[in-house]
Amino acid sequence: MNAPIRDISDTALWVAMYRAMESERQDALFRDPFARRMAGDRGEAILRSLPRGRALAWPMIVRTAVMDEIIARCVRQGARAVFNLGAGLDTRAFRLELPPSLRWFDVDLPDMIRYRQEHLEGAKPACIHEHVLADLSDPAERTRVLARLAGGDGPALVITEGLLIYLTEEQVSALAQQLHEYGVLRWWLIDLASPQLLQRMSKTWQPHLTAGNAPMQFAPALGTAFFAPHGWREAEFRSTWEESIKLGRSVPLAKFWNTLIKLRGKKGRESARRMSSIVLLERT
């Protein structure tokens, strides 16, 4: 296959394959019973075609597990709604233990929503669930959708898992500013890459993503401080590397590499732990 990634929607099939791989382990960190069905033959083909596709599954698996934990905690702390922007093939509304009164909105492009509906036919959500068709890259449409969703009771949690990295800094700034305009939005759950990680990715997945018109772009040098001028502060930071070791889903010889990282000095250690992360932002 010359072009494993045809467009940004294909990345959802790829990530679903990672969830399927983890779900099928006896010691799975999470179980997504829909993942393999969602990924389909196309998802398997993408995984086979990408360089080190299986070997680099661990960051996506760790991201899913840590976000599951944070989402569950936000719900326990009073979140009454979840806005899952760029939902892709996420099935948390169907697989997590959630209060029946929670409102969950999976928002994505029309073709993705139709694909989701087809492959989730007959599945029962754990809460009040709605699919929302929207092109979030269109500012006017984004405003319309957010205004409708944020019209209900709060507080609410926004999720943009695997979305921001495909946007420009200008687009992320606009989204951050817009989300802050709605007082019901208390938390914002994101994953974040550093410029160093983006540089590393240029040798593996980036050429394939760029060929599919889905280049990875957003990796702010400021890290989470990027969001401060837009009204969001870092409430919780989880290093993907550190979590991978805790969860037993890291690279071979992880403890050896971790020892080397500890020898780098304070600045080097902090750079390594912030290379890839899961972050809960809170409105200021």
C-alpha atoms as a PDB file:
ATOM      1  CA  MET A   1       0.000   0.000   0.000  1.00  0.00           C
ATOM      2  CA  ASN A   2       1.694   3.212  -1.145  1.00  0.00           C
ATOM      3  CA  ALA A   3      -0.407   5.594   0.926  1.00  0.00           C
ATOM      4  CA  PRO A   4      -1.616   3.939   4.147  1.00  0.00           C
ATOM      5  CA  ILE A   5      -3.201   7.193   5.375  1.00  0.00           C
ATOM      6  CA  ARG A   6      -5.558   8.732   2.798  1.00  0.00           C
ATOM      7  CA  ASP A   7      -6.997  11.485   4.993  1.00  0.00           C
ATOM      8  CA  ILE A   8      -7.290  12.497   8.637  1.00  0.00           C
ATOM      9  CA  SER A   9     -10.288  10.207   9.193  1.00  0.00           C
ATOM     10  CA  ASP A  10      -8.054   7.181   8.519  1.00  0.00           C
ATOM     11  CA  THR A  11      -6.117   7.971  11.688  1.00  0.00           C
ATOM     12  CA  ALA A  12      -9.220   6.937  13.663  1.00  0.00           C
ATOM     13  CA  LEU A  13      -9.129   3.452  12.100  1.00  0.00           C
ATOM     14  CA  TRP A  14      -5.435   3.189  12.944  1.00  0.00           C
ATOM     15  CA  VAL A  15      -5.923   4.172  16.612  1.00  0.00           C
ATOM     16  CA  ALA A  16      -8.916   1.826  16.915  1.00  0.00           C
ATOM     17  CA  MET A  17      -6.569  -1.021  15.993  1.00  0.00           C
ATOM     18  CA  TYR A  18      -4.377  -0.146  18.976  1.00  0.00           C
ATOM     19  CA  ARG A  19      -7.411  -0.272  21.253  1.00  0.00           C
ATOM     20  CA  ALA A  20      -8.311  -3.645  19.759  1.00  0.00           C
ATOM     21  CA  MET A  21      -4.795  -4.963  20.376  1.00  0.00           C
ATOM     22  CA  GLU A  22      -4.926  -3.931  24.022  1.00  0.00           C
ATOM     23  CA  SER A  23      -8.499  -5.157  24.558  1.00  0.00           C
ATOM     24  CA  GLU A  24      -7.551  -8.627  23.373  1.00  0.00           C
ATOM     25  CA  ARG A  25      -4.773  -9.037  25.965  1.00  0.00           C
ATOM     26  CA  GLN A  26      -5.525 -11.115  29.044  1.00  0.00           C
ATOM     27  CA  ASP A  27      -4.124  -8.320  31.217  1.00  0.00           C
ATOM     28  CA  ALA A  28      -5.795  -5.508  29.273  1.00  0.00           C
ATOM     29  CA  LEU A  29      -5.745  -2.040  30.828  1.00  0.00           C
ATOM     30  CA  PHE A  30      -9.165  -1.427  29.275  1.00  0.00           C
ATOM     31  CA  ARG A  31     -11.685  -3.325  27.184  1.00  0.00           C
ATOM     32  CA  ASP A  32     -13.154  -1.813  24.050  1.00  0.00           C
ATOM     33  CA  PRO A  33     -15.477  -4.472  22.615  1.00  0.00           C
ATOM     34  CA  PHE A  34     -16.157  -2.336  19.540  1.00  0.00           C
ATOM     35  CA  ALA A  35     -12.569  -1.505  18.586  1.00  0.00           C
ATOM     36  CA  ARG A  36     -11.782  -4.305  16.137  1.00  0.00           C
ATOM     37  CA  ARG A  37     -15.151  -3.971  14.427  1.00  0.00           C
ATOM     38  CA  MET A  38     -14.606  -0.219  14.133  1.00  0.00           C
ATOM     39  CA  ALA A  39     -11.052  -0.558  12.784  1.00  0.00           C
ATOM     40  CA  GLY A  40     -12.058  -3.143  10.184  1.00  0.00           C
ATOM     41  CA  ASP A  41      -9.803  -4.440   7.431  1.00  0.00           C
ATOM     42  CA  ARG A  42      -8.711  -0.913   6.579  1.00  0.00           C
ATOM     43  CA  GLY A  43      -7.420  -0.325  10.107  1.00  0.00           C
ATOM     44  CA  GLU A  44      -5.408  -3.552  10.000  1.00  0.00           C
ATOM     45  CA  ALA A  45      -3.949  -2.611   6.613  1.00  0.00           C
ATOM     46  CA  ILE A  46      -2.907   0.805   7.889  1.00  0.00           C
ATOM     47  CA  LEU A  47      -1.195  -0.708  10.910  1.00  0.00           C
ATOM     48  CA  ARG A  48       0.721  -3.180   8.735  1.00  0.00           C
ATOM     49  CA  SER A  49       1.829  -0.426   6.372  1.00  0.00           C
ATOM     50  CA  LEU A  50       3.127   2.108   8.885  1.00  0.00           C
ATOM     51  CA  PRO A  51       6.788   1.860   9.934  1.00  0.00           C
ATOM     52  CA  ARG A  52       7.040   0.303  13.400  1.00  0.00           C
ATOM     53  CA  GLY A  53       3.255   0.355  13.535  1.00  0.00           C
ATOM     54  CA  ARG A  54       2.884  -2.310  16.214  1.00  0.00           C
ATOM     55  CA  ALA A  55       6.039  -1.418  18.134  1.00  0.00           C
ATOM     56  CA  LEU A  56       4.791   2.130  18.666  1.00  0.00           C
ATOM     57  CA  ALA A  57       1.352   1.129  19.934  1.00  0.00           C
ATOM     58  CA  TRP A  58       2.232   1.887  23.556  1.00  0.00           C
ATOM     59  CA  PRO A  59       1.719   5.699  23.587  1.00  0.00           C
ATOM     60  CA  MET A  60      -1.811   5.365  22.176  1.00  0.00           C
ATOM     61  CA  ILE A  61      -2.671   2.590  24.625  1.00  0.00           C
ATOM     62  CA  VAL A  62      -1.328   4.596  27.563  1.00  0.00           C
ATOM     63  CA  ARG A  63      -3.214   7.672  26.372  1.00  0.00           C
ATOM     64  CA  THR A  64      -6.490   5.746  26.282  1.00  0.00           C
ATOM     65  CA  ALA A  65      -6.008   4.245  29.746  1.00  0.00           C
ATOM     66  CA  VAL A  66      -5.008   7.512  31.412  1.00  0.00           C
ATOM     67  CA  MET A  67      -7.803   9.477  29.750  1.00  0.00           C
ATOM     68  CA  ASP A  68     -10.319   6.844  30.865  1.00  0.00           C
ATOM     69  CA  GLU A  69      -9.177   7.420  34.437  1.00  0.00           C
ATOM     70  CA  ILE A  70      -9.320  11.214  34.233  1.00  0.00           C
ATOM     71  CA  ILE A  71     -12.736  11.220  32.553  1.00  0.00           C
ATOM     72  CA  ALA A  72     -14.165   8.961  35.254  1.00  0.00           C
ATOM     73  CA  ARG A  73     -12.782  11.256  37.946  1.00  0.00           C
ATOM     74  CA  CYS A  74     -14.186  14.425  36.324  1.00  0.00           C
ATOM     75  CA  VAL A  75     -17.587  12.750  36.199  1.00  0.00           C
ATOM     76  CA  ARG A  76     -17.306  11.838  39.882  1.00  0.00           C
ATOM     77  CA  GLN A  77     -16.377  15.460  40.611  1.00  0.00           C
ATOM     78  CA  GLY A  78     -19.571  16.711  39.041  1.00  0.00           C
ATOM     79  CA  ALA A  79     -19.252  16.849  35.242  1.00  0.00           C
ATOM     80  CA  ARG A  80     -22.786  16.679  33.872  1.00  0.00           C
ATOM     81  CA  ALA A  81     -21.851  16.712  30.189  1.00  0.00           C
ATOM     82  CA  VAL A  82     -18.962  15.618  27.975  1.00  0.00           C
ATOM     83  CA  PHE A  83     -18.207  17.262  24.624  1.00  0.00           C
ATOM     84  CA  ASN A  84     -15.982  14.873  22.662  1.00  0.00           C
ATOM     85  CA  LEU A  85     -14.710  17.039  19.793  1.00  0.00           C
ATOM     86  CA  GLY A  86     -13.196  15.161  16.864  1.00  0.00           C
ATOM     87  CA  ALA A  87     -14.480  11.970  18.465  1.00  0.00           C
ATOM     88  CA  GLY A  88     -13.209   9.641  15.757  1.00  0.00           C
ATOM     89  CA  LEU A  89     -14.051   6.068  16.768  1.00  0.00           C
ATOM     90  CA  ASP A  90     -13.999   6.635  20.525  1.00  0.00           C
ATOM     91  CA  THR A  91     -16.585   4.433  22.252  1.00  0.00           C
ATOM     92  CA  ARG A  92     -16.262   5.595  25.868  1.00  0.00           C
ATOM     93  CA  ALA A  93     -19.950   6.521  26.058  1.00  0.00           C
ATOM     94  CA  PHE A  94     -20.674   2.831  25.377  1.00  0.00           C
ATOM     95  CA  ARG A  95     -17.900   1.092  27.315  1.00  0.00           C
ATOM     96  CA  LEU A  96     -17.266   3.131  30.493  1.00  0.00           C
ATOM     97  CA  GLU A  97     -19.343   2.996  33.661  1.00  0.00           C
ATOM     98  CA  LEU A  98     -21.103   6.359  33.543  1.00  0.00           C
ATOM     99  CA  PRO A  99     -24.114   7.889  35.304  1.00  0.00           C
ATOM    100  CA  PRO A 100     -27.272   7.422  33.229  1.00  0.00           C
ATOM    101  CA  SER A 101     -27.968  11.165  33.572  1.00  0.00           C
ATOM    102  CA  LEU A 102     -24.644  12.221  32.029  1.00  0.00           C
ATOM    103  CA  ARG A 103     -24.981  13.856  28.596  1.00  0.00           C
ATOM    104  CA  TRP A 104     -22.289  12.765  26.130  1.00  0.00           C
ATOM    105  CA  PHE A 105     -21.860  14.313  22.681  1.00  0.00           C
ATOM    106  CA  ASP A 106     -19.575  12.700  20.078  1.00  0.00           C
ATOM    107  CA  VAL A 107     -18.829  15.399  17.489  1.00  0.00           C
ATOM    108  CA  ASP A 108     -17.140  14.763  14.136  1.00  0.00           C
ATOM    109  CA  LEU A 109     -17.398  15.090  10.374  1.00  0.00           C
ATOM    110  CA  PRO A 110     -20.575  13.716   8.743  1.00  0.00           C
ATOM    111  CA  ASP A 111     -18.831  10.719   7.113  1.00  0.00           C
ATOM    112  CA  MET A 112     -17.216   9.738  10.406  1.00  0.00           C
ATOM    113  CA  ILE A 113     -20.489  10.031  12.297  1.00  0.00           C
ATOM    114  CA  ARG A 114     -22.263   7.861   9.716  1.00  0.00           C
ATOM    115  CA  TYR A 115     -19.481   5.267  10.000  1.00  0.00           C
ATOM    116  CA  ARG A 116     -19.791   5.323  13.798  1.00  0.00           C
ATOM    117  CA  GLN A 117     -23.561   4.910  13.677  1.00  0.00           C
ATOM    118  CA  GLU A 118     -23.300   2.001  11.266  1.00  0.00           C
ATOM    119  CA  HIS A 119     -20.751   0.136  13.393  1.00  0.00           C
ATOM    120  CA  LEU A 120     -22.448   0.916  16.714  1.00  0.00           C
ATOM    121  CA  GLU A 121     -25.902  -0.105  15.544  1.00  0.00           C
ATOM    122  CA  GLY A 122     -27.685  -1.913  18.361  1.00  0.00           C
ATOM    123  CA  ALA A 123     -25.122  -0.887  20.996  1.00  0.00           C
ATOM    124  CA  LYS A 124     -26.574   0.671  24.145  1.00  0.00           C
ATOM    125  CA  PRO A 125     -24.797   3.739  25.571  1.00  0.00           C
ATOM    126  CA  ALA A 126     -24.227   3.984  29.314  1.00  0.00           C
ATOM    127  CA  CYS A 127     -25.581   7.540  29.411  1.00  0.00           C
ATOM    128  CA  ILE A 128     -27.574  10.047  27.351  1.00  0.00           C
ATOM    129  CA  HIS A 129     -25.660   9.969  24.081  1.00  0.00           C
ATOM    130  CA  GLU A 130     -25.882  12.016  20.901  1.00  0.00           C
ATOM    131  CA  HIS A 131     -23.918  11.992  17.661  1.00  0.00           C
ATOM    132  CA  VAL A 132     -23.316  15.499  16.323  1.00  0.00           C
ATOM    133  CA  LEU A 133     -22.342  16.121  12.694  1.00  0.00           C
ATOM    134  CA  ALA A 134     -19.999  19.103  12.367  1.00  0.00           C
ATOM    135  CA  ASP A 135     -16.931  20.321  10.549  1.00  0.00           C
ATOM    136  CA  LEU A 136     -15.025  21.783  13.492  1.00  0.00           C
ATOM    137  CA  SER A 137     -12.492  23.434  11.171  1.00  0.00           C
ATOM    138  CA  ASP A 138     -15.251  25.828  10.067  1.00  0.00           C
ATOM    139  CA  PRO A 139     -15.377  28.630  12.702  1.00  0.00           C
ATOM    140  CA  ALA A 140     -19.027  29.430  12.042  1.00  0.00           C
ATOM    141  CA  GLU A 141     -20.107  25.813  12.333  1.00  0.00           C
ATOM    142  CA  ARG A 142     -17.982  25.352  15.452  1.00  0.00           C
ATOM    143  CA  THR A 143     -19.664  28.359  17.025  1.00  0.00           C
ATOM    144  CA  ARG A 144     -23.105  27.008  16.186  1.00  0.00           C
ATOM    145  CA  VAL A 145     -22.386  23.573  17.619  1.00  0.00           C
ATOM    146  CA  LEU A 146     -20.682  24.783  20.791  1.00  0.00           C
ATOM    147  CA  ALA A 147     -23.441  27.289  21.477  1.00  0.00           C
ATOM    148  CA  ARG A 148     -26.034  24.517  21.283  1.00  0.00           C
ATOM    149  CA  LEU A 149     -24.101  22.004  23.354  1.00  0.00           C
ATOM    150  CA  ALA A 150     -23.087  24.511  26.006  1.00  0.00           C
ATOM    151  CA  GLY A 151     -26.675  25.601  26.458  1.00  0.00           C
ATOM    152  CA  GLY A 152     -27.341  22.833  28.970  1.00  0.00           C
ATOM    153  CA  ASP A 153     -26.394  22.448  32.596  1.00  0.00           C
ATOM    154  CA  GLY A 154     -22.755  22.389  33.608  1.00  0.00           C
ATOM    155  CA  PRO A 155     -20.104  21.806  34.574  1.00  0.00           C
ATOM    156  CA  ALA A 156     -18.896  20.110  31.406  1.00  0.00           C
ATOM    157  CA  LEU A 157     -15.736  18.372  30.229  1.00  0.00           C
ATOM    158  CA  VAL A 158     -14.320  18.887  26.728  1.00  0.00           C
ATOM    159  CA  ILE A 159     -12.179  16.133  25.169  1.00  0.00           C
ATOM    160  CA  THR A 160      -9.950  16.638  22.125  1.00  0.00           C
ATOM    161  CA  GLU A 161      -8.065  13.341  22.106  1.00  0.00           C
ATOM    162  CA  GLY A 162      -5.716  13.031  19.143  1.00  0.00           C
ATOM    163  CA  LEU A 163      -7.076  16.204  17.541  1.00  0.00           C
ATOM    164  CA  LEU A 164      -4.883  19.172  18.416  1.00  0.00           C
ATOM    165  CA  ILE A 165      -1.687  17.759  16.934  1.00  0.00           C
ATOM    166  CA  TYR A 166      -3.231  17.982  13.450  1.00  0.00           C
ATOM    167  CA  LEU A 167      -4.079  21.685  13.855  1.00  0.00           C
ATOM    168  CA  THR A 168      -1.954  24.810  13.498  1.00  0.00           C
ATOM    169  CA  GLU A 169      -1.099  27.010  16.479  1.00  0.00           C
ATOM    170  CA  GLU A 170      -3.522  29.613  15.154  1.00  0.00           C
ATOM    171  CA  GLN A 171      -6.339  27.072  14.987  1.00  0.00           C
ATOM    172  CA  VAL A 172      -5.646  25.799  18.511  1.00  0.00           C
ATOM    173  CA  SER A 173      -5.529  29.374  19.836  1.00  0.00           C
ATOM    174  CA  ALA A 174      -8.907  30.102  18.256  1.00  0.00           C
ATOM    175  CA  LEU A 175     -10.408  26.913  19.692  1.00  0.00           C
ATOM    176  CA  ALA A 176      -9.009  27.589  23.169  1.00  0.00           C
ATOM    177  CA  GLN A 177     -10.371  31.125  23.147  1.00  0.00           C
ATOM    178  CA  GLN A 178     -13.754  29.980  21.925  1.00  0.00           C
ATOM    179  CA  LEU A 179     -14.080  27.199  24.493  1.00  0.00           C
ATOM    180  CA  HIS A 180     -13.304  29.659  27.273  1.00  0.00           C
ATOM    181  CA  GLU A 181     -16.271  31.791  26.249  1.00  0.00           C
ATOM    182  CA  TYR A 182     -18.682  29.157  27.583  1.00  0.00           C
ATOM    183  CA  GLY A 183     -18.794  29.225  31.372  1.00  0.00           C
ATOM    184  CA  VAL A 184     -20.172  25.689  31.661  1.00  0.00           C
ATOM    185  CA  LEU A 185     -16.917  24.297  30.242  1.00  0.00           C
ATOM    186  CA  ARG A 186     -14.829  23.677  33.353  1.00  0.00           C
ATOM    187  CA  TRP A 187     -12.297  21.102  32.138  1.00  0.00           C
ATOM    188  CA  TRP A 188     -10.498  20.409  28.884  1.00  0.00           C
ATOM    189  CA  LEU A 189      -8.711  17.078  28.407  1.00  0.00           C
ATOM    190  CA  ILE A 190      -5.966  17.054  25.759  1.00  0.00           C
ATOM    191  CA  ASP A 191      -2.884  15.153  24.654  1.00  0.00           C
ATOM    192  CA  LEU A 192       0.193  17.212  23.911  1.00  0.00           C
ATOM    193  CA  ALA A 193       3.417  16.660  21.978  1.00  0.00           C
ATOM    194  CA  SER A 194       6.669  18.581  22.254  1.00  0.00           C
ATOM    195  CA  PRO A 195       8.707  19.943  19.325  1.00  0.00           C
ATOM    196  CA  GLN A 196      11.285  17.228  20.067  1.00  0.00           C
ATOM    197  CA  LEU A 197       8.676  14.500  19.646  1.00  0.00           C
ATOM    198  CA  LEU A 198       7.444  16.028  16.401  1.00  0.00           C
ATOM    199  CA  GLN A 199      11.012  16.012  15.115  1.00  0.00           C
ATOM    200  CA  ARG A 200      11.367  12.327  15.981  1.00  0.00           C
ATOM    201  CA  MET A 201       8.083  11.517  14.302  1.00  0.00           C
ATOM    202  CA  SER A 202       9.358  13.083  11.087  1.00  0.00           C
ATOM    203  CA  LYS A 203      11.387   9.915  10.544  1.00  0.00           C
ATOM    204  CA  THR A 204       8.541   7.422  11.062  1.00  0.00           C
ATOM    205  CA  TRP A 205       4.872   8.365  10.661  1.00  0.00           C
ATOM    206  CA  GLN A 206       5.004  11.995   9.580  1.00  0.00           C
ATOM    207  CA  PRO A 207       5.751  11.349   5.851  1.00  0.00           C
ATOM    208  CA  HIS A 208       2.750   9.005   5.617  1.00  0.00           C
ATOM    209  CA  LEU A 209       0.465  11.445   7.439  1.00  0.00           C
ATOM    210  CA  THR A 210       1.588  14.341   5.276  1.00  0.00           C
ATOM    211  CA  ALA A 211       0.956  12.273   2.144  1.00  0.00           C
ATOM    212  CA  GLY A 212      -2.597  11.750   3.409  1.00  0.00           C
ATOM    213  CA  ASN A 213      -3.058  15.489   4.007  1.00  0.00           C
ATOM    214  CA  ALA A 214      -2.972  14.931   7.775  1.00  0.00           C
ATOM    215  CA  PRO A 215       0.410  16.280   8.917  1.00  0.00           C
ATOM    216  CA  MET A 216       1.185  16.535  12.617  1.00  0.00           C
ATOM    217  CA  GLN A 217       1.656  20.244  13.337  1.00  0.00           C
ATOM    218  CA  PHE A 218       0.820  21.377  16.866  1.00  0.00           C
ATOM    219  CA  ALA A 219       3.684  20.877  19.312  1.00  0.00           C
ATOM    220  CA  PRO A 220       4.084  24.164  21.199  1.00  0.00           C
ATOM    221  CA  ALA A 221       7.502  25.026  22.594  1.00  0.00           C
ATOM    222  CA  LEU A 222       5.721  26.605  25.570  1.00  0.00           C
ATOM    223  CA  GLY A 223       3.983  23.343  26.448  1.00  0.00           C
ATOM    224  CA  THR A 224       0.852  23.824  28.546  1.00  0.00           C
ATOM    225  CA  ALA A 225       1.748  27.496  29.083  1.00  0.00           C
ATOM    226  CA  PHE A 226       0.555  27.992  25.493  1.00  0.00           C
ATOM    227  CA  PHE A 227      -3.033  27.858  26.791  1.00  0.00           C
ATOM    228  CA  ALA A 228      -2.643  30.375  29.630  1.00  0.00           C
ATOM    229  CA  PRO A 229      -3.390  33.528  27.582  1.00  0.00           C
ATOM    230  CA  HIS A 230      -6.627  31.878  26.459  1.00  0.00           C
ATOM    231  CA  GLY A 231      -7.905  31.247  29.981  1.00  0.00           C
ATOM    232  CA  TRP A 232      -6.765  27.675  30.628  1.00  0.00           C
ATOM    233  CA  ARG A 233      -4.297  26.418  33.226  1.00  0.00           C
ATOM    234  CA  GLU A 234      -2.614  23.065  33.714  1.00  0.00           C
ATOM    235  CA  ALA A 235      -4.606  21.259  36.419  1.00  0.00           C
ATOM    236  CA  GLU A 236      -3.025  17.828  35.950  1.00  0.00           C
ATOM    237  CA  PHE A 237      -0.030  16.684  33.925  1.00  0.00           C
ATOM    238  CA  ARG A 238       0.635  13.016  33.126  1.00  0.00           C
ATOM    239  CA  SER A 239       3.816  12.107  31.279  1.00  0.00           C
ATOM    240  CA  THR A 240       3.152   9.403  28.683  1.00  0.00           C
ATOM    241  CA  TRP A 241       6.610   7.958  29.326  1.00  0.00           C
ATOM    242  CA  GLU A 242       6.183   7.790  33.102  1.00  0.00           C
ATOM    243  CA  GLU A 243       2.680   6.348  32.800  1.00  0.00           C
ATOM    244  CA  SER A 244       3.897   3.706  30.337  1.00  0.00           C
ATOM    245  CA  ILE A 245       6.329   2.396  32.935  1.00  0.00           C
ATOM    246  CA  LYS A 246       3.709   2.435  35.701  1.00  0.00           C
ATOM    247  CA  LEU A 247       1.210   0.601  33.506  1.00  0.00           C
ATOM    248  CA  GLY A 248       3.674  -1.915  32.061  1.00  0.00           C
ATOM    249  CA  ARG A 249       3.173  -0.760  28.470  1.00  0.00           C
ATOM    250  CA  SER A 250       6.521   0.805  27.662  1.00  0.00           C
ATOM    251  CA  VAL A 251       9.323   0.033  25.226  1.00  0.00           C
ATOM    252  CA  PRO A 252      11.754  -2.884  25.683  1.00  0.00           C
ATOM    253  CA  LEU A 253      14.476  -2.032  28.219  1.00  0.00           C
ATOM    254  CA  ALA A 254      12.331   0.829  29.530  1.00  0.00           C
ATOM    255  CA  LYS A 255      13.925   0.738  32.990  1.00  0.00           C
ATOM    256  CA  PHE A 256      17.383   0.981  31.443  1.00  0.00           C
ATOM    257  CA  TRP A 257      16.364   3.977  29.326  1.00  0.00           C
ATOM    258  CA  ASN A 258      14.708   5.525  32.357  1.00  0.00           C
ATOM    259  CA  THR A 259      17.979   5.267  34.278  1.00  0.00           C
ATOM    260  CA  LEU A 260      19.755   7.095  31.466  1.00  0.00           C
ATOM    261  CA  ILE A 261      17.109   9.814  31.527  1.00  0.00           C
ATOM    262  CA  LYS A 262      17.675  10.319  35.259  1.00  0.00           C
ATOM    263  CA  LEU A 263      21.350  10.998  34.552  1.00  0.00           C
ATOM    264  CA  ARG A 264      20.561  13.911  32.225  1.00  0.00           C
ATOM    265  CA  GLY A 265      20.169  16.498  34.933  1.00  0.00           C
ATOM    266  CA  LYS A 266      17.036  18.416  35.901  1.00  0.00           C
ATOM    267  CA  LYS A 267      16.518  20.142  32.552  1.00  0.00           C
ATOM    268  CA  GLY A 268      17.030  16.945  30.538  1.00  0.00           C
ATOM    269  CA  ARG A 269      14.713  14.927  32.782  1.00  0.00           C
ATOM    270  CA  GLU A 270      11.954  17.518  32.521  1.00  0.00           C
ATOM    271  CA  SER A 271      12.343  17.669  28.735  1.00  0.00           C
ATOM    272  CA  ALA A 272      12.003  13.874  28.524  1.00  0.00           C
ATOM    273  CA  ARG A 273       8.918  13.652  30.736  1.00  0.00           C
ATOM    274  CA  ARG A 274       7.160  16.433  28.831  1.00  0.00           C
ATOM    275  CA  MET A 275       7.900  15.035  25.379  1.00  0.00           C
ATOM    276  CA  SER A 276       4.449  13.450  25.233  1.00  0.00           C
ATOM    277  CA  SER A 277       1.685  13.942  27.751  1.00  0.00           C
ATOM    278  CA  ILE A 278      -1.946  13.769  28.728  1.00  0.00           C
ATOM    279  CA  VAL A 279      -3.094  17.035  30.309  1.00  0.00           C
ATOM    280  CA  LEU A 280      -6.226  18.146  32.099  1.00  0.00           C
ATOM    281  CA  LEU A 281      -6.713  21.882  31.674  1.00  0.00           C
ATOM    282  CA  GLU A 282      -9.053  23.899  33.872  1.00  0.00           C
ATOM    283  CA  ARG A 283     -10.567  27.280  33.088  1.00  0.00           C
ATOM    284  CA  THR A 284      -9.116  30.255  34.956  1.00  0.00           C
END
